[in-house]
Amino acid sequence: MNKTGKKELRKWDIIWSYMGQMVHYGVHILLTPIISVRLSSYELGLWYTFTSIFTLINFFDTGFSPLIMRNAAYCMGGARELLKEGITAQGKEEGAGCNYGLLKTLYKTARKLYGIMAAVFFALLIVAGIPYIQYITQSYFKEEYLVAWIIYTVGIALNIFMIFLPAFLKGVGAIAEVQRSYAIGRGLQLIFSIVGVFAGGGIVALACGFLLGTTLICVMTYIHYYRNVRRELQVARGEMTQRKVLGVLWFNAKKLGLVAVGRYMSTQGNIIICSTFLSLEVSACYGLTIQALQAMSSIAMIYLQAVVPSISSAKVEKNKEKEKKLFSTAIVIFWCTFGLASLALLFAVNPLLELIGSNTRLLELPILALATMGFFFQYNQICFSLYIGMGNEVPYMKGEFFSGAAVMLCSFLLVNYTQLGILGIVIAQGLIQACYNDWKWPLSVCRRLQLGLGDIGRIGMQGILDMIRRKG
């Protein structure tokens, strides 16, 4: 743990961030074509329904986890108190170090909050989830589907209970350690799931693999906390009260929660529309495409996610030039990575799936290209809105929520009252986002930084070259 409060990004932070995220999404990208050989299309569609519900639950968490990470970074930067909006400057001389008392209260508040959330969601998923699974599988119901759902629900509850800890540890600078835990945990999940499915375990093996991977991540992150952070927090005298800290978190968490729901509705929510109004076979194709696009987008955002604590600390330090360089470099890396990954997705994935005999493919090329373009613009504006959020404000809440609701409504109407089918869903998602969010938040950030997109590109390329020279 960096006791000076500085958030300089380490080489291993970047390496493990990429490895952790690639393994995390590799669970879906690599697992799906492999298990599709042994699972029927409707079982694969059911598995995507499971993962869509898990994604929805995670989206509710995204109201708190980013705030926990950013506020932990503010404490590491020497912030005197946590505010509902904006950031306080360092409490002591420049570079004074971490405010452990404030960090202690933040940790205790987060731990209590997530314990309550885990209990509530577990009860909800058991009470409401079991009838829902029975309903969508009524024509081919098997008892093992309910067994798989219960195991999967336990994994979700465990994930909720401990998910605040990785966010907290990232905020205090343990980025490499957290990402290493995810790489190992999800890697073990991938191996166990493949072996289990080919051994005849079916969807139950997938659920057990998820629970096993989640458990390992929780154990590894807690061990790092216990060895490297717990002692400093134990001897520190808490500052602010848990009630005040919760009020600070809740002020923006409810907004980020609505943002998350809006983003869920515009992407994963459409998988539920597919499985409900089209078919599980179509849902499997669309679900595989969405998983691939989200994985590709998230991998492209890895560097930006890794520098969030650094940019947050730079804001506490009032270091505008450092903000510009870090953010511009991250955006250019996002653009380049997404572009290269898009070429592979469009021209290599379906031939590869056909080669291995997968029962499920990505969408047809014209529709896939349209969906890829829509995802680029959506995740591009998510990158820019993430920068806005680092200043402890959420002006993009209404735009994200109402756009997501509009996407689902238009998707429903186009699926039910036209012959467009899955194309209608892709059109609804891209067109509605382009009407506002896709241009609004990049323009807002450019004005805040007093930079044009060309300036961001120039500064970002220079930042990449600086990294290459430094590592060379």
Protein backbone atom coordinates (compact mmCIF):
# COMPACT_ATOMS: atom_id res chain seq x y z
CA MET A 1 0.00 0.00 0.00
CA ASN A 2 1.38 3.35 -1.07
CA LYS A 3 1.52 5.41 2.10
CA THR A 4 2.41 8.64 0.30
CA GLY A 5 -0.96 8.81 -1.34
CA LYS A 6 0.53 9.06 -4.82
CA LYS A 7 -1.19 7.18 -7.61
CA GLU A 8 1.57 6.57 -10.14
CA LEU A 9 0.55 3.74 -12.44
CA ARG A 10 2.94 0.80 -12.25
CA LYS A 11 3.92 -1.45 -15.15
CA TRP A 12 2.37 -4.46 -13.45
CA ASP A 13 -0.87 -2.54 -12.89
CA ILE A 14 -1.25 -2.30 -16.66
CA ILE A 15 -0.11 -5.85 -17.40
CA TRP A 16 -2.38 -7.48 -14.84
CA SER A 17 -5.27 -5.19 -15.82
CA TYR A 18 -5.12 -6.55 -19.35
CA MET A 19 -4.61 -10.12 -18.23
CA GLY A 20 -7.39 -9.94 -15.65
CA GLN A 21 -9.91 -8.44 -18.05
CA MET A 22 -8.97 -10.73 -20.93
CA VAL A 23 -9.40 -13.80 -18.74
CA HIS A 24 -12.60 -12.37 -17.25
CA TYR A 25 -14.16 -11.89 -20.66
CA GLY A 26 -12.43 -14.92 -22.04
CA VAL A 27 -14.71 -16.95 -19.80
CA HIS A 28 -17.53 -15.89 -22.11
CA ILE A 29 -15.67 -15.56 -25.40
CA LEU A 30 -13.78 -18.86 -25.12
CA LEU A 31 -16.34 -20.78 -23.10
CA THR A 32 -19.34 -20.16 -25.33
CA PRO A 33 -18.09 -21.67 -28.61
CA ILE A 34 -16.62 -24.64 -26.74
CA ILE A 35 -19.69 -25.46 -24.67
CA SER A 36 -22.00 -24.80 -27.64
CA VAL A 37 -20.68 -28.08 -29.06
CA ARG A 38 -22.13 -29.95 -26.05
CA LEU A 39 -25.15 -27.80 -25.16
CA SER A 40 -28.27 -27.34 -27.25
CA SER A 41 -29.18 -23.86 -28.50
CA TYR A 42 -32.00 -23.50 -25.98
CA GLU A 43 -29.71 -24.49 -23.08
CA LEU A 44 -27.15 -21.98 -24.31
CA GLY A 45 -29.93 -19.40 -24.49
CA LEU A 46 -30.90 -20.27 -20.91
CA TRP A 47 -27.28 -19.79 -19.81
CA TYR A 48 -27.30 -16.34 -21.43
CA THR A 49 -30.47 -15.57 -19.50
CA PHE A 50 -28.58 -16.47 -16.30
CA THR A 51 -25.67 -14.22 -17.22
CA SER A 52 -27.99 -11.38 -18.27
CA ILE A 53 -29.62 -11.42 -14.84
CA PHE A 54 -26.18 -11.42 -13.21
CA THR A 55 -25.21 -8.47 -15.39
CA LEU A 56 -28.36 -6.64 -14.29
CA ILE A 57 -27.45 -7.17 -10.63
CA ASN A 58 -23.91 -5.96 -11.33
CA PHE A 59 -25.34 -2.87 -12.98
CA PHE A 60 -27.11 -2.01 -9.74
CA ASP A 61 -23.75 -2.32 -8.00
CA THR A 62 -22.15 0.07 -10.48
CA GLY A 63 -23.90 2.81 -8.55
CA PHE A 64 -21.55 2.18 -5.61
CA SER A 65 -18.34 0.46 -6.75
CA PRO A 66 -17.01 3.37 -8.85
CA LEU A 67 -17.75 5.73 -5.96
CA ILE A 68 -15.94 3.51 -3.48
CA MET A 69 -12.89 3.34 -5.75
CA ARG A 70 -12.85 7.08 -6.44
CA ASN A 71 -13.44 8.09 -2.83
CA ALA A 72 -10.70 5.70 -1.69
CA ALA A 73 -8.42 7.42 -4.21
CA TYR A 74 -9.48 10.82 -2.82
CA CYS A 75 -8.53 9.61 0.68
CA MET A 76 -5.18 8.37 -0.62
CA GLY A 77 -4.64 11.80 -2.18
CA GLY A 78 -5.14 13.48 1.21
CA ALA A 79 -8.73 14.73 0.89
CA ARG A 80 -10.00 16.24 4.14
CA GLU A 81 -13.57 14.99 3.72
CA LEU A 82 -15.84 13.26 1.25
CA LEU A 83 -18.39 15.46 -0.47
CA LYS A 84 -21.63 14.72 -2.29
CA GLU A 85 -20.42 16.74 -5.25
CA GLY A 86 -16.95 17.95 -6.10
CA ILE A 87 -13.64 17.18 -4.38
CA THR A 88 -11.83 18.80 -1.45
CA ALA A 89 -8.19 19.72 -1.86
CA GLN A 90 -5.45 18.05 0.18
CA GLY A 91 -5.67 18.75 3.87
CA LYS A 92 -1.96 19.21 4.40
CA GLU A 93 1.01 20.30 2.31
CA GLU A 94 1.27 19.02 -1.26
CA GLY A 95 1.89 15.27 -1.36
CA ALA A 96 0.94 14.89 2.32
CA GLY A 97 -0.27 11.32 2.05
CA CYS A 98 -3.30 9.22 2.86
CA ASN A 99 -6.13 10.22 5.18
CA TYR A 100 -6.42 6.83 6.92
CA GLY A 101 -9.20 7.91 9.27
CA LEU A 102 -11.48 8.77 6.38
CA LEU A 103 -10.44 5.63 4.52
CA LYS A 104 -11.36 3.50 7.55
CA THR A 105 -14.89 4.91 7.73
CA LEU A 106 -15.33 4.40 3.99
CA TYR A 107 -14.34 0.72 4.29
CA LYS A 108 -16.65 0.00 7.23
CA THR A 109 -19.56 1.73 5.53
CA ALA A 110 -19.06 -0.20 2.29
CA ARG A 111 -18.78 -3.55 4.09
CA LYS A 112 -22.07 -3.05 5.93
CA LEU A 113 -23.86 -1.78 2.83
CA TYR A 114 -22.85 -4.71 0.66
CA GLY A 115 -23.77 -7.25 3.32
CA ILE A 116 -27.33 -5.91 3.28
CA MET A 117 -27.43 -5.82 -0.52
CA ALA A 118 -26.27 -9.45 -0.77
CA ALA A 119 -29.02 -10.68 1.55
CA VAL A 120 -31.74 -8.72 -0.26
CA PHE A 121 -30.73 -9.85 -3.76
CA PHE A 122 -30.32 -13.48 -2.68
CA ALA A 123 -33.88 -13.56 -1.33
CA LEU A 124 -35.22 -11.82 -4.43
CA LEU A 125 -33.45 -14.13 -6.87
CA ILE A 126 -34.71 -17.23 -5.07
CA VAL A 127 -38.32 -16.06 -4.65
CA ALA A 128 -38.76 -14.49 -8.09
CA GLY A 129 -36.05 -16.27 -10.05
CA ILE A 130 -37.24 -19.85 -9.62
CA PRO A 131 -40.75 -19.19 -11.08
CA TYR A 132 -39.18 -17.22 -13.95
CA ILE A 133 -36.80 -20.06 -14.85
CA GLN A 134 -39.70 -22.51 -14.72
CA TYR A 135 -41.71 -20.25 -17.03
CA ILE A 136 -39.13 -19.81 -19.79
CA THR A 137 -38.20 -23.53 -19.76
CA GLN A 138 -41.73 -24.91 -19.48
CA SER A 139 -41.61 -26.75 -22.83
CA TYR A 140 -38.36 -28.60 -21.99
CA PHE A 141 -38.10 -28.28 -18.20
CA LYS A 142 -35.52 -30.30 -16.26
CA GLU A 143 -34.89 -30.30 -12.51
CA GLU A 144 -31.22 -29.61 -13.12
CA TYR A 145 -32.10 -26.13 -14.42
CA LEU A 146 -33.40 -25.15 -10.99
CA VAL A 147 -30.37 -26.73 -9.29
CA ALA A 148 -28.13 -24.69 -11.58
CA TRP A 149 -30.08 -21.51 -10.83
CA ILE A 150 -29.81 -21.97 -7.05
CA ILE A 151 -26.04 -22.57 -7.27
CA TYR A 152 -25.69 -19.58 -9.57
CA THR A 153 -27.70 -17.45 -7.14
CA VAL A 154 -25.34 -18.36 -4.29
CA GLY A 155 -22.46 -17.22 -6.49
CA ILE A 156 -24.22 -13.93 -7.24
CA ALA A 157 -24.86 -13.28 -3.54
CA LEU A 158 -21.22 -13.98 -2.66
CA ASN A 159 -20.08 -11.72 -5.48
CA ILE A 160 -22.29 -8.89 -4.20
CA PHE A 161 -21.11 -9.29 -0.61
CA MET A 162 -17.42 -8.96 -1.46
CA ILE A 163 -17.40 -6.91 -4.66
CA PHE A 164 -16.80 -3.66 -2.79
CA LEU A 165 -13.37 -4.91 -1.71
CA PRO A 166 -11.77 -5.04 -5.19
CA ALA A 167 -13.08 -1.51 -5.83
CA PHE A 168 -11.69 -0.33 -2.49
CA LEU A 169 -8.30 -1.95 -3.13
CA LYS A 170 -8.06 -0.40 -6.60
CA GLY A 171 -8.68 2.98 -5.01
CA VAL A 172 -5.75 2.54 -2.62
CA GLY A 173 -3.45 1.49 -5.46
CA ALA A 174 -3.61 -2.33 -5.46
CA ILE A 175 -4.64 -2.54 -9.11
CA ALA A 176 -2.28 -5.36 -10.11
CA GLU A 177 -3.22 -7.43 -7.05
CA VAL A 178 -6.95 -7.15 -7.75
CA GLN A 179 -6.60 -7.95 -11.43
CA ARG A 180 -4.38 -10.93 -10.64
CA SER A 181 -7.16 -12.27 -8.42
CA TYR A 182 -9.67 -11.91 -11.25
CA ALA A 183 -7.31 -13.55 -13.75
CA ILE A 184 -6.77 -16.58 -11.52
CA GLY A 185 -10.38 -16.84 -10.35
CA ARG A 186 -11.99 -16.56 -13.77
CA GLY A 187 -9.28 -18.73 -15.30
CA LEU A 188 -10.15 -21.50 -12.86
CA GLN A 189 -13.84 -20.96 -13.65
CA LEU A 190 -13.10 -21.38 -17.36
CA ILE A 191 -11.18 -24.63 -16.86
CA PHE A 192 -13.70 -26.14 -14.42
CA SER A 193 -16.65 -25.20 -16.64
CA ILE A 194 -15.17 -26.75 -19.78
CA VAL A 195 -14.19 -29.97 -18.00
CA GLY A 196 -17.58 -30.13 -16.25
CA VAL A 197 -19.60 -29.63 -19.43
CA PHE A 198 -17.62 -32.23 -21.38
CA ALA A 199 -18.01 -34.61 -18.44
CA GLY A 200 -21.78 -34.32 -18.81
CA GLY A 201 -22.46 -31.75 -16.10
CA GLY A 202 -24.34 -29.43 -18.44
CA ILE A 203 -25.56 -26.10 -17.17
CA VAL A 204 -25.01 -27.22 -13.55
CA ALA A 205 -21.27 -27.42 -14.25
CA LEU A 206 -21.34 -23.86 -15.59
CA ALA A 207 -23.05 -22.64 -12.42
CA CYS A 208 -20.56 -24.49 -10.20
CA GLY A 209 -17.67 -23.03 -12.18
CA PHE A 210 -19.05 -19.53 -11.64
CA LEU A 211 -19.39 -20.12 -7.89
CA LEU A 212 -15.87 -21.57 -7.66
CA GLY A 213 -14.28 -18.66 -9.54
CA THR A 214 -16.17 -16.07 -7.51
CA THR A 215 -15.14 -17.71 -4.24
CA LEU A 216 -11.47 -17.69 -5.20
CA ILE A 217 -11.58 -13.99 -6.17
CA CYS A 218 -13.16 -13.12 -2.83
CA VAL A 219 -10.57 -15.11 -0.86
CA MET A 220 -7.57 -13.68 -2.73
CA THR A 221 -8.67 -10.05 -2.47
CA TYR A 222 -9.42 -10.41 1.24
CA ILE A 223 -6.00 -11.95 1.86
CA HIS A 224 -4.36 -8.94 0.22
CA TYR A 225 -6.50 -6.57 2.29
CA TYR A 226 -5.67 -8.44 5.50
CA ARG A 227 -1.92 -8.43 4.85
CA ASN A 228 -1.45 -4.92 3.43
CA VAL A 229 -4.27 -2.59 4.44
CA ARG A 230 -6.05 -3.83 7.55
CA ARG A 231 -3.31 -2.87 10.04
CA GLU A 232 -3.23 0.82 9.01
CA LEU A 233 -7.01 1.05 9.19
CA GLN A 234 -7.19 -0.64 12.60
CA VAL A 235 -4.92 1.91 14.28
CA ALA A 236 -6.48 4.91 12.51
CA ARG A 237 -9.14 7.02 14.17
CA GLY A 238 -12.23 7.18 12.01
CA GLU A 239 -13.23 10.51 10.50
CA MET A 240 -16.82 11.39 9.55
CA THR A 241 -19.54 8.96 10.58
CA GLN A 242 -20.72 5.94 8.63
CA ARG A 243 -24.09 7.62 8.26
CA LYS A 244 -22.52 10.71 6.66
CA VAL A 245 -20.32 8.63 4.37
CA LEU A 246 -23.34 6.56 3.30
CA GLY A 247 -25.19 9.80 2.56
CA VAL A 248 -22.29 10.94 0.39
CA LEU A 249 -22.19 7.62 -1.46
CA TRP A 250 -25.95 7.42 -1.90
CA PHE A 251 -26.21 10.93 -3.36
CA ASN A 252 -24.42 9.88 -6.55
CA ALA A 253 -24.98 6.11 -6.26
CA LYS A 254 -28.68 6.46 -6.98
CA LYS A 255 -27.79 8.44 -10.08
CA LEU A 256 -25.15 5.94 -11.19
CA GLY A 257 -27.64 3.16 -10.50
CA LEU A 258 -30.08 4.73 -12.96
CA VAL A 259 -27.22 5.16 -15.43
CA ALA A 260 -26.43 1.46 -15.06
CA VAL A 261 -30.07 0.45 -15.53
CA GLY A 262 -30.24 2.61 -18.65
CA ARG A 263 -27.10 0.99 -20.08
CA TYR A 264 -28.44 -2.44 -19.18
CA MET A 265 -31.71 -1.76 -20.97
CA SER A 266 -29.89 -0.64 -24.11
CA THR A 267 -27.69 -3.77 -24.29
CA GLN A 268 -28.29 -6.81 -22.08
CA GLY A 269 -31.98 -6.02 -21.63
CA ASN A 270 -32.56 -6.84 -25.28
CA ILE A 271 -31.44 -10.43 -24.65
CA ILE A 272 -34.49 -10.82 -22.43
CA ILE A 273 -36.67 -9.40 -25.24
CA CYS A 274 -35.14 -11.98 -27.60
CA SER A 275 -35.70 -14.91 -25.24
CA THR A 276 -39.24 -13.77 -24.47
CA PHE A 277 -40.59 -12.66 -27.87
CA LEU A 278 -38.35 -14.34 -30.45
CA SER A 279 -36.70 -17.60 -29.39
CA LEU A 280 -33.87 -18.90 -27.26
CA GLU A 281 -32.01 -19.86 -30.44
CA VAL A 282 -32.10 -16.26 -31.68
CA SER A 283 -31.30 -15.14 -28.15
CA ALA A 284 -28.19 -17.35 -28.22
CA CYS A 285 -26.92 -15.69 -31.43
CA TYR A 286 -27.68 -12.20 -30.20
CA GLY A 287 -26.34 -13.00 -26.72
CA LEU A 288 -23.06 -14.30 -28.14
CA THR A 289 -22.74 -11.13 -30.23
CA ILE A 290 -23.44 -8.84 -27.27
CA GLN A 291 -20.99 -10.75 -25.09
CA ALA A 292 -18.30 -10.42 -27.76
CA LEU A 293 -18.96 -6.70 -28.30
CA GLN A 294 -19.04 -5.95 -24.58
CA ALA A 295 -15.86 -7.93 -24.00
CA MET A 296 -14.16 -6.12 -26.87
CA SER A 297 -15.34 -2.72 -25.59
CA SER A 298 -14.34 -3.44 -22.01
CA ILE A 299 -10.88 -4.68 -23.02
CA ALA A 300 -10.43 -1.48 -25.03
CA MET A 301 -11.29 0.47 -21.85
CA ILE A 302 -8.82 -1.38 -19.61
CA TYR A 303 -6.16 1.32 -19.62
CA LEU A 304 -8.74 4.01 -18.82
CA GLN A 305 -10.06 1.95 -15.90
CA ALA A 306 -6.50 1.45 -14.67
CA VAL A 307 -5.77 5.21 -14.58
CA VAL A 308 -9.02 6.18 -12.79
CA PRO A 309 -7.24 6.35 -9.37
CA SER A 310 -4.40 8.38 -10.92
CA ILE A 311 -6.79 10.86 -12.54
CA SER A 312 -8.84 11.07 -9.34
CA SER A 313 -5.74 11.90 -7.31
CA ALA A 314 -4.69 14.44 -9.95
CA LYS A 315 -8.04 16.15 -9.43
CA VAL A 316 -7.38 16.35 -5.67
CA GLU A 317 -3.94 17.78 -6.46
CA LYS A 318 -5.46 20.27 -9.00
CA ASN A 319 -3.01 19.00 -11.64
CA LYS A 320 -4.86 19.74 -14.90
CA GLU A 321 -2.02 18.90 -17.26
CA LYS A 322 -1.64 15.46 -15.70
CA GLU A 323 -5.39 14.87 -16.16
CA LYS A 324 -5.19 15.83 -19.83
CA LYS A 325 -2.27 13.53 -20.55
CA LEU A 326 -3.65 10.51 -18.68
CA PHE A 327 -7.15 10.80 -20.13
CA SER A 328 -6.03 11.54 -23.70
CA THR A 329 -3.65 8.57 -23.66
CA ALA A 330 -6.43 6.30 -22.40
CA ILE A 331 -8.89 7.48 -25.07
CA VAL A 332 -6.43 6.95 -27.93
CA ILE A 333 -5.68 3.45 -26.60
CA PHE A 334 -9.44 2.80 -26.54
CA TRP A 335 -9.88 3.96 -30.14
CA CYS A 336 -6.97 1.90 -31.45
CA THR A 337 -7.81 -1.25 -29.51
CA PHE A 338 -11.48 -1.15 -30.47
CA GLY A 339 -10.64 -0.64 -34.14
CA LEU A 340 -8.26 -3.60 -34.30
CA ALA A 341 -10.61 -5.84 -32.33
CA SER A 342 -13.51 -4.92 -34.63
CA LEU A 343 -11.66 -6.26 -37.66
CA ALA A 344 -11.09 -9.58 -35.91
CA LEU A 345 -14.71 -9.76 -34.77
CA LEU A 346 -16.17 -9.01 -38.20
CA PHE A 347 -13.99 -11.30 -40.30
CA ALA A 348 -12.53 -14.03 -38.08
CA VAL A 349 -14.95 -15.09 -35.34
CA ASN A 350 -17.78 -16.69 -37.38
CA PRO A 351 -15.36 -18.69 -39.59
CA LEU A 352 -13.65 -19.89 -36.40
CA LEU A 353 -16.97 -20.89 -34.84
CA GLU A 354 -17.88 -22.79 -37.98
CA LEU A 355 -14.50 -24.51 -37.97
CA ILE A 356 -14.94 -25.90 -34.46
CA GLY A 357 -18.52 -26.98 -35.16
CA SER A 358 -20.27 -24.57 -32.82
CA ASN A 359 -24.07 -24.70 -32.74
CA THR A 360 -24.23 -20.90 -32.34
CA ARG A 361 -22.85 -18.08 -34.48
CA LEU A 362 -22.58 -14.33 -34.28
CA LEU A 363 -25.16 -12.29 -36.17
CA GLU A 364 -24.85 -12.05 -39.94
CA LEU A 365 -22.11 -9.70 -41.17
CA PRO A 366 -24.21 -6.64 -42.20
CA ILE A 367 -26.11 -6.65 -38.89
CA LEU A 368 -22.91 -7.41 -36.96
CA ALA A 369 -21.17 -4.43 -38.59
CA LEU A 370 -24.07 -2.16 -37.65
CA ALA A 371 -24.04 -3.43 -34.06
CA THR A 372 -20.26 -2.95 -33.85
CA MET A 373 -20.52 0.66 -34.99
CA GLY A 374 -23.26 1.33 -32.44
CA PHE A 375 -21.17 -0.18 -29.65
CA PHE A 376 -18.16 1.93 -30.57
CA PHE A 377 -20.05 5.20 -30.26
CA GLN A 378 -21.82 4.07 -27.09
CA TYR A 379 -18.66 2.98 -25.30
CA ASN A 380 -16.79 6.02 -26.59
CA GLN A 381 -19.26 8.27 -24.80
CA ILE A 382 -19.08 6.00 -21.74
CA CYS A 383 -15.32 6.69 -21.63
CA PHE A 384 -15.95 10.44 -21.72
CA SER A 385 -18.73 10.29 -19.14
CA LEU A 386 -16.41 8.24 -16.90
CA TYR A 387 -14.01 11.19 -16.88
CA ILE A 388 -16.86 13.50 -15.86
CA GLY A 389 -17.72 11.11 -13.04
CA MET A 390 -14.15 11.27 -11.71
CA GLY A 391 -14.99 14.83 -10.65
CA ASN A 392 -17.70 13.40 -8.37
CA GLU A 393 -20.68 14.49 -10.46
CA VAL A 394 -23.20 12.64 -12.62
CA PRO A 395 -24.84 15.06 -15.08
CA TYR A 396 -25.38 12.26 -17.63
CA MET A 397 -27.88 10.31 -15.51
CA LYS A 398 -31.10 11.41 -17.24
CA GLY A 399 -29.70 10.97 -20.73
CA GLU A 400 -28.50 7.43 -20.04
CA PHE A 401 -31.64 6.27 -18.24
CA PHE A 402 -34.23 7.65 -20.65
CA SER A 403 -32.21 6.56 -23.68
CA GLY A 404 -32.05 3.01 -22.30
CA ALA A 405 -35.80 2.99 -21.66
CA ALA A 406 -36.39 4.29 -25.20
CA VAL A 407 -34.15 1.57 -26.66
CA MET A 408 -36.11 -1.19 -24.93
CA LEU A 409 -39.45 0.33 -25.92
CA CYS A 410 -38.42 0.72 -29.55
CA SER A 411 -36.93 -2.77 -29.58
CA PHE A 412 -40.19 -4.21 -28.26
CA LEU A 413 -42.26 -2.34 -30.84
CA LEU A 414 -40.01 -3.24 -33.76
CA VAL A 415 -39.86 -6.91 -32.78
CA ASN A 416 -43.62 -7.21 -32.29
CA TYR A 417 -45.02 -4.95 -35.03
CA THR A 418 -42.51 -5.24 -37.89
CA GLN A 419 -40.69 -8.02 -39.71
CA LEU A 420 -37.25 -6.64 -38.81
CA GLY A 421 -36.64 -9.11 -35.99
CA ILE A 422 -33.15 -8.86 -34.53
CA LEU A 423 -32.24 -6.05 -36.98
CA GLY A 424 -34.90 -3.89 -35.32
CA ILE A 425 -33.18 -4.30 -31.95
CA VAL A 426 -29.80 -3.31 -33.38
CA ILE A 427 -31.29 -0.27 -35.15
CA ALA A 428 -33.12 0.87 -32.01
CA GLN A 429 -29.98 0.63 -29.89
CA GLY A 430 -27.72 2.58 -32.25
CA LEU A 431 -30.15 5.23 -33.47
CA ILE A 432 -31.47 6.34 -30.08
CA GLN A 433 -27.99 6.60 -28.52
CA ALA A 434 -26.85 8.67 -31.51
CA CYS A 435 -29.62 11.19 -30.89
CA TYR A 436 -28.05 12.46 -27.64
CA ASN A 437 -25.53 10.52 -25.55
CA ASP A 438 -23.07 9.66 -28.31
CA TRP A 439 -22.23 13.32 -28.99
CA LYS A 440 -23.25 15.14 -25.80
CA TRP A 441 -20.66 13.81 -23.33
CA PRO A 442 -17.58 13.82 -25.60
CA LEU A 443 -18.42 17.44 -26.43
CA SER A 444 -18.83 18.26 -22.72
CA VAL A 445 -15.42 16.79 -21.80
CA CYS A 446 -13.69 18.55 -24.69
CA ARG A 447 -15.03 21.85 -23.37
CA ARG A 448 -13.98 21.08 -19.79
CA LEU A 449 -10.44 20.19 -20.87
CA GLN A 450 -10.39 22.97 -23.48
CA LEU A 451 -9.27 20.42 -26.05
CA GLY A 452 -10.58 19.29 -29.42
CA LEU A 453 -10.70 15.65 -30.49
CA GLY A 454 -7.59 16.32 -32.56
CA ASP A 455 -5.78 17.66 -29.49
CA ILE A 456 -6.81 14.58 -27.53
CA GLY A 457 -5.48 12.38 -30.32
CA ARG A 458 -2.17 14.28 -30.46
CA ILE A 459 -1.63 14.27 -26.67
CA GLY A 460 -2.70 10.63 -26.47
CA MET A 461 -0.29 9.49 -29.17
CA GLN A 462 2.52 11.39 -27.44
CA GLY A 463 1.58 9.67 -24.17
CA ILE A 464 1.76 6.26 -25.83
CA LEU A 465 5.16 7.07 -27.32
CA ASP A 466 6.38 8.23 -23.91
CA MET A 467 5.29 4.91 -22.38
CA ILE A 468 7.06 2.95 -25.11
CA ARG A 469 10.29 4.90 -24.65
CA ARG A 470 10.11 4.62 -20.87
CA LYS A 471 9.61 0.85 -20.97
CA GLY A 472 12.22 0.41 -23.61
